[in-house]
């Protein structure tokens, strides 16, 4: 979609915390009007107010323990519709024209996977027409419409993806993700008091941090930003200071460890004493992929009786469907599950370019007498699975030993 003829275009997303009350909605409205006063075209993407989505999901499960996904999508999209209408009203009270659109009205076209849909295309013609009229356009995040004209949702963090997709479609000059934190940190500051805000980070590094557990920016939004070269600014809704810029690697001069993240919302599923483990594993992975179940870790090892042990880790909310699919492939499988597991991921372009960092990571864990359950490495990430009860102290020790609590120029890793 081509740029608008005059005036810069800014696309901004406000999360549930930013819209949690009428007063906060009015604050967001004042901010948006301030952008408009600078002669900008403005698209605002909104999440549901506060914990509305969680409450709607709880309501659904009180009516039906296993609600049909189509109807769940119909219900959950109500949260964003409330936010978009209220924000549009608040902007109108400030003397500016605003119009709100659902995801389908905005032209967010997705695949047919209810509750976990992926954006296929952005046909935001109505949005463009309203911008040309000088109106502020409010878009419901997290939702879209399939080619079969079914309402869909994008899953947790989907409003981030909506925002970046619209910024890409309109070739926006600015793409801001407003949230309740100041930006991206070297670790979760709630767990690591010495965590530092990162001023600028590459798409690849942010994608790894997000995929491995960092919740500030959803990994799908980073993937879209990288594909279309959208420069994303993650910043606080409540402060005016700069946050974190997510951009191309070429804009970043230094290499090094950028951050540590963790994911404690995991389950490990192990299948023991499997003959032809490689062949069975292939069929299991195919079955899981067919059900849109993502596997984070996968490992085949030998058992004491000469057969194979297949182990995998995935999100806890996918445990039951995964067990069902595995049982279809291997009806008499000796299955074992463990939810007391977490992963810690160290991310940075310096992981491979600087010798000894992997050794330093393992030595740091060894100093705590901590035995990794599983280890996985990629070009810029090293992920270690540990007992969930050991995760926090491991993160704190790694953050110190890798020099992430020091000023940027003084980091030792």
Protein backbone atom coordinates (compact mmCIF):
# COMPACT_ATOMS: atom_id res chain seq x y z
CA UNK A 1 0.00 0.00 0.00
CA UNK A 2 1.44 3.36 -1.01
CA UNK A 3 2.32 6.20 1.32
CA UNK A 4 -0.16 8.98 1.91
CA UNK A 5 0.55 12.08 -0.15
CA UNK A 6 1.15 14.55 2.68
CA UNK A 7 2.06 14.36 6.37
CA UNK A 8 3.99 11.68 8.19
CA UNK A 9 2.14 8.52 9.22
CA UNK A 10 2.54 7.07 12.69
CA UNK A 11 1.11 3.71 13.80
CA UNK A 12 0.89 3.26 17.56
CA UNK A 13 -0.28 0.35 19.68
CA UNK A 14 -1.55 0.66 23.25
CA UNK A 15 -1.75 -2.43 25.43
CA UNK A 16 -4.35 -3.42 27.99
CA UNK A 17 -2.59 -1.75 30.91
CA UNK A 18 -2.52 1.56 29.04
CA UNK A 19 -6.30 1.31 28.53
CA UNK A 20 -7.26 -0.27 31.84
CA UNK A 21 -9.58 2.52 33.07
CA UNK A 22 -11.59 5.47 31.71
CA UNK A 23 -8.93 7.86 32.99
CA UNK A 24 -6.19 5.99 31.16
CA UNK A 25 -8.25 5.90 27.99
CA UNK A 26 -8.56 9.68 28.24
CA UNK A 27 -4.77 9.94 28.71
CA UNK A 28 -4.22 7.87 25.57
CA UNK A 29 -6.73 10.04 23.70
CA UNK A 30 -4.82 13.18 24.72
CA UNK A 31 -1.56 11.61 23.53
CA UNK A 32 -3.07 10.62 20.17
CA UNK A 33 -4.50 14.10 19.66
CA UNK A 34 -1.05 15.49 20.45
CA UNK A 35 0.35 13.43 17.56
CA UNK A 36 -2.43 14.66 15.28
CA UNK A 37 -1.66 18.27 16.19
CA UNK A 38 1.83 17.73 14.73
CA UNK A 39 0.18 17.33 11.31
CA UNK A 40 0.56 13.56 11.30
CA UNK A 41 -1.72 10.84 10.01
CA UNK A 42 -2.42 8.53 12.96
CA UNK A 43 -3.45 4.87 13.20
CA UNK A 44 -3.95 3.54 16.73
CA UNK A 45 -4.09 -0.20 17.45
CA UNK A 46 -5.69 -1.14 20.76
CA UNK A 47 -5.76 -4.20 22.99
CA UNK A 48 -8.64 -5.07 25.32
CA UNK A 49 -8.91 -3.08 28.56
CA UNK A 50 -6.86 -4.49 31.44
CA UNK A 51 -7.51 -8.19 31.95
CA UNK A 52 -10.71 -8.26 29.88
CA UNK A 53 -9.46 -11.05 27.61
CA UNK A 54 -8.66 -13.29 30.60
CA UNK A 55 -12.09 -12.61 32.11
CA UNK A 56 -13.84 -13.42 28.84
CA UNK A 57 -11.90 -16.66 28.57
CA UNK A 58 -12.84 -17.59 32.15
CA UNK A 59 -16.46 -16.79 31.35
CA UNK A 60 -16.31 -19.09 28.34
CA UNK A 61 -14.92 -22.00 30.35
CA UNK A 62 -17.62 -21.63 33.01
CA UNK A 63 -20.21 -22.15 30.29
CA UNK A 64 -18.27 -24.82 28.41
CA UNK A 65 -15.08 -26.55 29.66
CA UNK A 66 -13.92 -26.92 26.05
CA UNK A 67 -15.50 -24.06 24.10
CA UNK A 68 -15.49 -24.36 20.29
CA UNK A 69 -12.61 -22.26 18.97
CA UNK A 70 -14.80 -20.42 16.47
CA UNK A 71 -17.15 -19.24 19.21
CA UNK A 72 -14.22 -18.44 21.48
CA UNK A 73 -12.86 -16.10 18.82
CA UNK A 74 -16.27 -14.44 18.49
CA UNK A 75 -16.30 -13.84 22.25
CA UNK A 76 -12.68 -12.73 22.77
CA UNK A 77 -12.79 -10.12 19.98
CA UNK A 78 -15.39 -8.21 21.99
CA UNK A 79 -12.65 -6.91 24.30
CA UNK A 80 -10.85 -4.93 21.60
CA UNK A 81 -14.12 -3.63 20.21
CA UNK A 82 -14.90 -2.07 23.58
CA UNK A 83 -11.48 -0.38 23.72
CA UNK A 84 -11.62 0.96 20.17
CA UNK A 85 -15.09 2.48 20.58
CA UNK A 86 -14.29 4.11 23.94
CA UNK A 87 -11.02 5.58 22.66
CA UNK A 88 -12.77 6.94 19.58
CA UNK A 89 -15.37 8.59 21.83
CA UNK A 90 -12.66 10.13 24.04
CA UNK A 91 -10.85 11.55 21.01
CA UNK A 92 -14.09 13.01 19.67
CA UNK A 93 -14.62 14.78 23.00
CA UNK A 94 -11.29 16.53 22.43
CA UNK A 95 -12.58 17.97 19.19
CA UNK A 96 -10.95 15.60 16.68
CA UNK A 97 -12.59 13.15 14.31
CA UNK A 98 -11.89 9.50 14.96
CA UNK A 99 -13.37 6.29 13.58
CA UNK A 100 -12.97 2.76 14.90
CA UNK A 101 -12.68 -0.46 12.90
CA UNK A 102 -12.62 -4.13 13.85
CA UNK A 103 -9.85 -6.30 12.46
CA UNK A 104 -12.10 -7.50 9.64
CA UNK A 105 -13.24 -3.95 8.78
CA UNK A 106 -9.56 -2.95 8.70
CA UNK A 107 -8.73 -5.61 6.13
CA UNK A 108 -6.58 -7.85 8.36
CA UNK A 109 -6.86 -11.12 6.41
CA UNK A 110 -5.72 -14.27 8.24
CA UNK A 111 -5.61 -18.00 7.74
CA UNK A 112 -8.37 -20.21 9.17
CA UNK A 113 -6.69 -21.24 12.45
CA UNK A 114 -9.05 -20.05 15.17
CA UNK A 115 -7.35 -18.67 18.34
CA UNK A 116 -3.90 -18.85 16.67
CA UNK A 117 -4.40 -17.29 13.22
CA UNK A 118 -1.57 -15.86 11.14
CA UNK A 119 -1.89 -12.71 9.05
CA UNK A 120 -1.86 -13.46 5.31
CA UNK A 121 -2.53 -10.00 3.91
CA UNK A 122 -3.48 -6.44 4.88
CA UNK A 123 -6.16 -4.91 2.65
CA UNK A 124 -6.60 -1.70 4.62
CA UNK A 125 -8.39 0.33 1.96
CA UNK A 126 -11.01 1.68 4.34
CA UNK A 127 -8.28 2.74 6.76
CA UNK A 128 -6.51 4.62 3.97
CA UNK A 129 -9.71 6.34 2.88
CA UNK A 130 -10.39 7.60 6.40
CA UNK A 131 -6.82 8.83 6.83
CA UNK A 132 -7.19 10.87 3.66
CA UNK A 133 -10.26 12.51 5.22
CA UNK A 134 -8.08 13.62 8.12
CA UNK A 135 -9.56 11.22 10.65
CA UNK A 136 -7.69 9.34 13.34
CA UNK A 137 -8.25 5.63 12.74
CA UNK A 138 -8.61 3.27 15.71
CA UNK A 139 -8.09 -0.43 14.90
CA UNK A 140 -8.93 -3.40 17.11
CA UNK A 141 -5.76 -5.44 17.49
CA UNK A 142 -5.48 -9.20 17.98
CA UNK A 143 -8.13 -10.03 15.37
CA UNK A 144 -8.83 -10.46 11.69
CA UNK A 145 -10.98 -12.30 9.20
CA UNK A 146 -10.29 -15.47 7.23
CA UNK A 147 -10.91 -15.89 3.48
CA UNK A 148 -14.09 -17.76 4.52
CA UNK A 149 -15.21 -14.53 6.26
CA UNK A 150 -14.84 -16.05 9.72
CA UNK A 151 -13.69 -13.88 12.62
CA UNK A 152 -10.30 -15.02 13.91
CA UNK A 153 -7.86 -14.06 16.67
CA UNK A 154 -4.08 -13.99 16.45
CA UNK A 155 -3.27 -15.43 19.88
CA UNK A 156 -1.51 -13.76 22.80
CA UNK A 157 0.38 -10.62 21.81
CA UNK A 158 -1.54 -10.41 18.55
CA UNK A 159 -2.09 -6.64 18.84
CA UNK A 160 1.67 -6.13 18.44
CA UNK A 161 1.50 -8.03 15.16
CA UNK A 162 -1.51 -6.01 13.98
CA UNK A 163 0.39 -2.78 14.66
CA UNK A 164 3.54 -3.81 12.80
CA UNK A 165 1.56 -5.27 9.89
CA UNK A 166 -0.32 -1.98 9.42
CA UNK A 167 2.95 -0.01 9.67
CA UNK A 168 4.40 -2.23 6.95
CA UNK A 169 1.30 -1.94 4.75
CA UNK A 170 1.36 1.87 4.85
CA UNK A 171 5.17 2.22 4.94
CA UNK A 172 4.76 4.28 8.12
CA UNK A 173 7.48 6.63 9.29
CA UNK A 174 6.96 5.56 12.92
CA UNK A 175 5.80 2.36 14.59
CA UNK A 176 5.43 2.67 18.37
CA UNK A 177 4.49 -0.13 20.76
CA UNK A 178 3.34 1.49 24.01
CA UNK A 179 3.38 -0.78 27.03
CA UNK A 180 3.70 -0.68 30.82
CA UNK A 181 7.51 -0.97 30.83
CA UNK A 182 10.23 1.40 29.63
CA UNK A 183 11.56 -0.88 26.90
CA UNK A 184 13.50 -4.12 26.49
CA UNK A 185 15.80 -5.05 29.38
CA UNK A 186 18.82 -7.32 29.68
CA UNK A 187 16.66 -9.53 31.93
CA UNK A 188 13.30 -9.33 33.64
CA UNK A 189 13.80 -6.44 36.12
CA UNK A 190 11.28 -8.05 38.46
CA UNK A 191 13.74 -10.94 38.90
CA UNK A 192 17.05 -9.15 38.35
CA UNK A 193 17.28 -5.75 40.07
CA UNK A 194 20.44 -4.90 38.12
CA UNK A 195 18.85 -5.39 34.70
CA UNK A 196 19.59 -2.56 32.23
CA UNK A 197 17.40 -1.11 29.51
CA UNK A 198 18.68 -1.85 26.00
CA UNK A 199 18.66 1.26 23.80
CA UNK A 200 18.81 -0.52 20.44
CA UNK A 201 18.57 -4.19 19.47
CA UNK A 202 18.54 -6.11 16.21
CA UNK A 203 15.54 -7.91 14.78
CA UNK A 204 17.30 -11.26 15.13
CA UNK A 205 18.19 -10.71 18.78
CA UNK A 206 14.70 -9.45 19.63
CA UNK A 207 13.11 -12.36 17.80
CA UNK A 208 15.13 -14.84 19.85
CA UNK A 209 14.36 -13.07 23.15
CA UNK A 210 10.64 -12.93 22.33
CA UNK A 211 10.42 -16.52 21.12
CA UNK A 212 12.28 -17.76 24.20
CA UNK A 213 10.00 -16.07 26.72
CA UNK A 214 10.34 -12.26 26.78
CA UNK A 215 6.77 -10.98 26.84
CA UNK A 216 7.27 -7.28 26.05
CA UNK A 217 7.05 -7.78 22.28
CA UNK A 218 5.44 -10.77 20.59
CA UNK A 219 7.78 -12.78 18.35
CA UNK A 220 5.39 -12.77 15.38
CA UNK A 221 5.42 -8.96 15.35
CA UNK A 222 9.23 -8.99 15.28
CA UNK A 223 9.17 -11.47 12.41
CA UNK A 224 6.90 -9.12 10.39
CA UNK A 225 9.06 -6.11 11.30
CA UNK A 226 12.20 -7.89 10.10
CA UNK A 227 10.57 -9.05 6.86
CA UNK A 228 9.39 -5.57 5.90
CA UNK A 229 12.09 -3.47 7.55
CA UNK A 230 9.75 -1.76 10.04
CA UNK A 231 11.71 0.13 12.70
CA UNK A 232 9.85 -0.49 15.98
CA UNK A 233 10.04 1.67 19.09
CA UNK A 234 9.02 -0.14 22.30
CA UNK A 235 8.30 2.43 25.01
CA UNK A 236 6.31 3.23 28.15
CA UNK A 237 2.78 4.60 27.98
CA UNK A 238 3.42 6.58 31.15
CA UNK A 239 6.80 8.20 30.48
CA UNK A 240 8.19 10.36 27.66
CA UNK A 241 11.72 8.92 27.64
CA UNK A 242 13.04 6.87 24.74
CA UNK A 243 12.51 3.16 25.03
CA UNK A 244 14.15 0.46 22.90
CA UNK A 245 14.54 0.62 19.11
CA UNK A 246 14.24 -2.71 17.27
CA UNK A 247 15.94 -2.42 13.91
CA UNK A 248 18.32 -3.96 11.37
CA UNK A 249 21.64 -5.35 12.52
CA UNK A 250 23.46 -2.90 10.26
CA UNK A 251 22.42 -0.01 12.53
CA UNK A 252 24.14 -1.54 15.57
CA UNK A 253 27.89 -1.15 15.93
CA UNK A 254 28.69 -3.47 18.83
CA UNK A 255 28.40 -7.23 19.25
CA UNK A 256 27.91 -8.96 22.56
CA UNK A 257 25.43 -10.66 24.82
CA UNK A 258 22.28 -8.54 24.75
CA UNK A 259 20.01 -10.24 27.23
CA UNK A 260 18.73 -13.23 29.14
CA UNK A 261 15.14 -14.42 29.09
CA UNK A 262 13.28 -17.40 30.47
CA UNK A 263 10.11 -19.40 29.97
CA UNK A 264 8.52 -21.27 32.86
CA UNK A 265 5.24 -22.03 31.10
CA UNK A 266 6.51 -25.31 29.64
CA UNK A 267 5.93 -29.03 29.89
CA UNK A 268 8.34 -31.81 28.98
CA UNK A 269 6.84 -34.93 27.42
CA UNK A 270 9.00 -38.04 27.28
CA UNK A 271 8.25 -41.28 25.43
CA UNK A 272 10.33 -44.18 26.74
CA UNK A 273 11.52 -47.48 25.28
CA UNK A 274 10.69 -46.69 21.66
CA UNK A 275 11.86 -48.98 18.89
CA UNK A 276 12.86 -47.21 15.66
CA UNK A 277 12.95 -43.95 17.63
CA UNK A 278 13.93 -41.83 14.62
CA UNK A 279 11.01 -43.11 12.50
CA UNK A 280 8.51 -42.75 15.34
CA UNK A 281 9.81 -39.25 16.11
CA UNK A 282 9.27 -38.21 12.50
CA UNK A 283 5.64 -39.38 12.61
CA UNK A 284 5.08 -37.68 15.96
CA UNK A 285 6.43 -34.36 14.74
CA UNK A 286 4.29 -34.58 11.61
CA UNK A 287 1.18 -35.21 13.75
CA UNK A 288 1.99 -32.31 16.08
CA UNK A 289 2.66 -29.96 13.18
CA UNK A 290 -0.68 -30.95 11.64
CA UNK A 291 -2.38 -29.83 14.85
CA UNK A 292 -0.43 -26.54 14.89
CA UNK A 293 1.43 -27.58 18.05
CA UNK A 294 4.86 -25.99 18.29
CA UNK A 295 7.75 -27.97 19.78
CA UNK A 296 10.43 -25.91 21.53
CA UNK A 297 12.97 -28.70 22.24
CA UNK A 298 13.31 -32.13 20.72
CA UNK A 299 15.79 -34.84 21.65
CA UNK A 300 16.34 -38.55 21.01
CA UNK A 301 18.58 -40.53 23.36
CA UNK A 302 19.29 -44.20 24.04
CA UNK A 303 17.58 -46.07 26.88
CA UNK A 304 19.22 -48.68 29.09
CA UNK A 305 17.58 -51.51 27.17
CA UNK A 306 18.84 -50.38 23.79
CA UNK A 307 15.72 -48.59 22.64
CA UNK A 308 15.17 -44.84 22.27
CA UNK A 309 13.81 -42.11 24.53
CA UNK A 310 12.05 -39.25 22.73
CA UNK A 311 11.80 -36.02 24.74
CA UNK A 312 10.18 -32.74 23.74
CA UNK A 313 9.22 -29.47 25.39
CA UNK A 314 6.22 -27.33 24.48
CA UNK A 315 3.84 -24.78 25.98
CA UNK A 316 1.72 -26.10 28.84
CA UNK A 317 -1.57 -25.09 27.24
CA UNK A 318 -0.75 -27.49 24.39
CA UNK A 319 -0.08 -30.45 26.67
CA UNK A 320 -3.42 -32.29 26.29
CA UNK A 321 -3.73 -31.93 22.51
CA UNK A 322 -0.09 -33.00 22.17
CA UNK A 323 -0.64 -36.11 24.29
CA UNK A 324 -3.67 -36.97 22.16
CA UNK A 325 -1.69 -36.69 18.92
CA UNK A 326 1.23 -38.70 20.32
CA UNK A 327 -1.15 -41.46 21.44
CA UNK A 328 -2.56 -41.64 17.92
CA UNK A 329 0.94 -42.31 16.56
CA UNK A 330 2.00 -44.62 19.40
CA UNK A 331 -1.14 -46.00 21.18
CA UNK A 332 0.79 -48.03 23.78
CA UNK A 333 3.43 -45.38 24.49
CA UNK A 334 5.07 -45.19 27.91
CA UNK A 335 4.50 -41.45 28.41
CA UNK A 336 5.92 -39.25 31.15
CA UNK A 337 5.22 -35.53 31.67
CA UNK A 338 7.05 -32.94 33.77
CA UNK A 339 5.75 -29.41 34.30
CA UNK A 340 8.45 -28.42 36.78
CA UNK A 341 10.80 -27.31 34.04
CA UNK A 342 11.93 -23.92 32.70
CA UNK A 343 14.27 -22.66 30.01
CA UNK A 344 16.87 -19.91 30.26
CA UNK A 345 18.06 -18.36 27.00
CA UNK A 346 21.16 -16.20 26.57
CA UNK A 347 20.93 -14.11 23.39
CA UNK A 348 23.45 -12.02 21.47
CA UNK A 349 25.50 -11.87 18.29
CA UNK A 350 28.60 -12.19 20.44
CA UNK A 351 27.69 -15.71 21.50
CA UNK A 352 29.61 -17.31 18.64
CA UNK A 353 31.95 -14.48 17.67
CA UNK A 354 33.61 -14.28 21.08
CA UNK A 355 35.38 -17.43 22.24
CA UNK A 356 34.69 -18.80 25.69
CA UNK A 357 31.20 -17.39 26.25
CA UNK A 358 29.50 -20.80 26.13
CA UNK A 359 32.10 -22.10 28.55
CA UNK A 360 31.48 -19.13 30.85
CA UNK A 361 27.73 -19.83 30.80
CA UNK A 362 28.20 -23.48 31.77
CA UNK A 363 30.77 -22.57 34.42
CA UNK A 364 28.34 -20.06 35.93
CA UNK A 365 25.65 -22.74 36.21
CA UNK A 366 28.14 -25.25 37.59
CA UNK A 367 29.09 -22.82 40.37
CA UNK A 368 25.49 -23.16 41.58
CA UNK A 369 25.72 -26.98 41.44
CA UNK A 370 23.01 -26.77 38.80
CA UNK A 371 22.71 -29.60 36.30
CA UNK A 372 21.11 -28.62 32.96
CA UNK A 373 18.29 -30.90 31.84
CA UNK A 374 18.78 -30.07 28.15
CA UNK A 375 20.93 -27.65 26.13
CA UNK A 376 20.27 -26.19 22.70
CA UNK A 377 22.39 -23.71 20.72
CA UNK A 378 21.85 -21.64 17.59
CA UNK A 379 23.87 -18.88 15.97
CA UNK A 380 22.97 -16.24 18.55
CA UNK A 381 21.19 -18.18 21.32
CA UNK A 382 22.07 -20.73 23.95
CA UNK A 383 19.07 -22.22 25.75
CA UNK A 384 19.35 -24.34 28.87
CA UNK A 385 16.48 -26.29 30.41
CA UNK A 386 16.61 -26.42 34.23
CA UNK A 387 14.35 -27.27 37.13
CA UNK A 388 11.81 -24.46 37.46
CA UNK A 389 12.77 -23.98 41.11
CA UNK A 390 16.37 -23.21 40.05
CA UNK A 391 15.57 -20.74 37.26
CA UNK A 392 15.60 -17.41 39.12
CA UNK A 393 18.94 -17.84 40.87
CA UNK A 394 20.46 -19.15 37.63
CA UNK A 395 19.29 -16.05 35.74
CA UNK A 396 20.63 -13.74 38.43
CA UNK A 397 24.02 -15.48 38.45
CA UNK A 398 24.33 -15.49 34.66
CA UNK A 399 23.37 -11.82 34.46
CA UNK A 400 26.24 -10.94 36.79
CA UNK A 401 28.82 -13.38 35.41
CA UNK A 402 28.20 -12.24 31.80
CA UNK A 403 28.61 -8.58 32.80
CA UNK A 404 25.08 -7.55 31.85
CA UNK A 405 24.70 -5.50 35.04
CA UNK A 406 27.62 -3.27 33.97
CA UNK A 407 27.46 -0.20 31.69
CA UNK A 408 27.42 -1.03 27.95
CA UNK A 409 31.09 -0.33 27.38
CA UNK A 410 32.23 -2.29 30.40
CA UNK A 411 30.51 -5.63 29.75
CA UNK A 412 32.88 -8.56 30.06
CA UNK A 413 31.06 -11.12 27.93
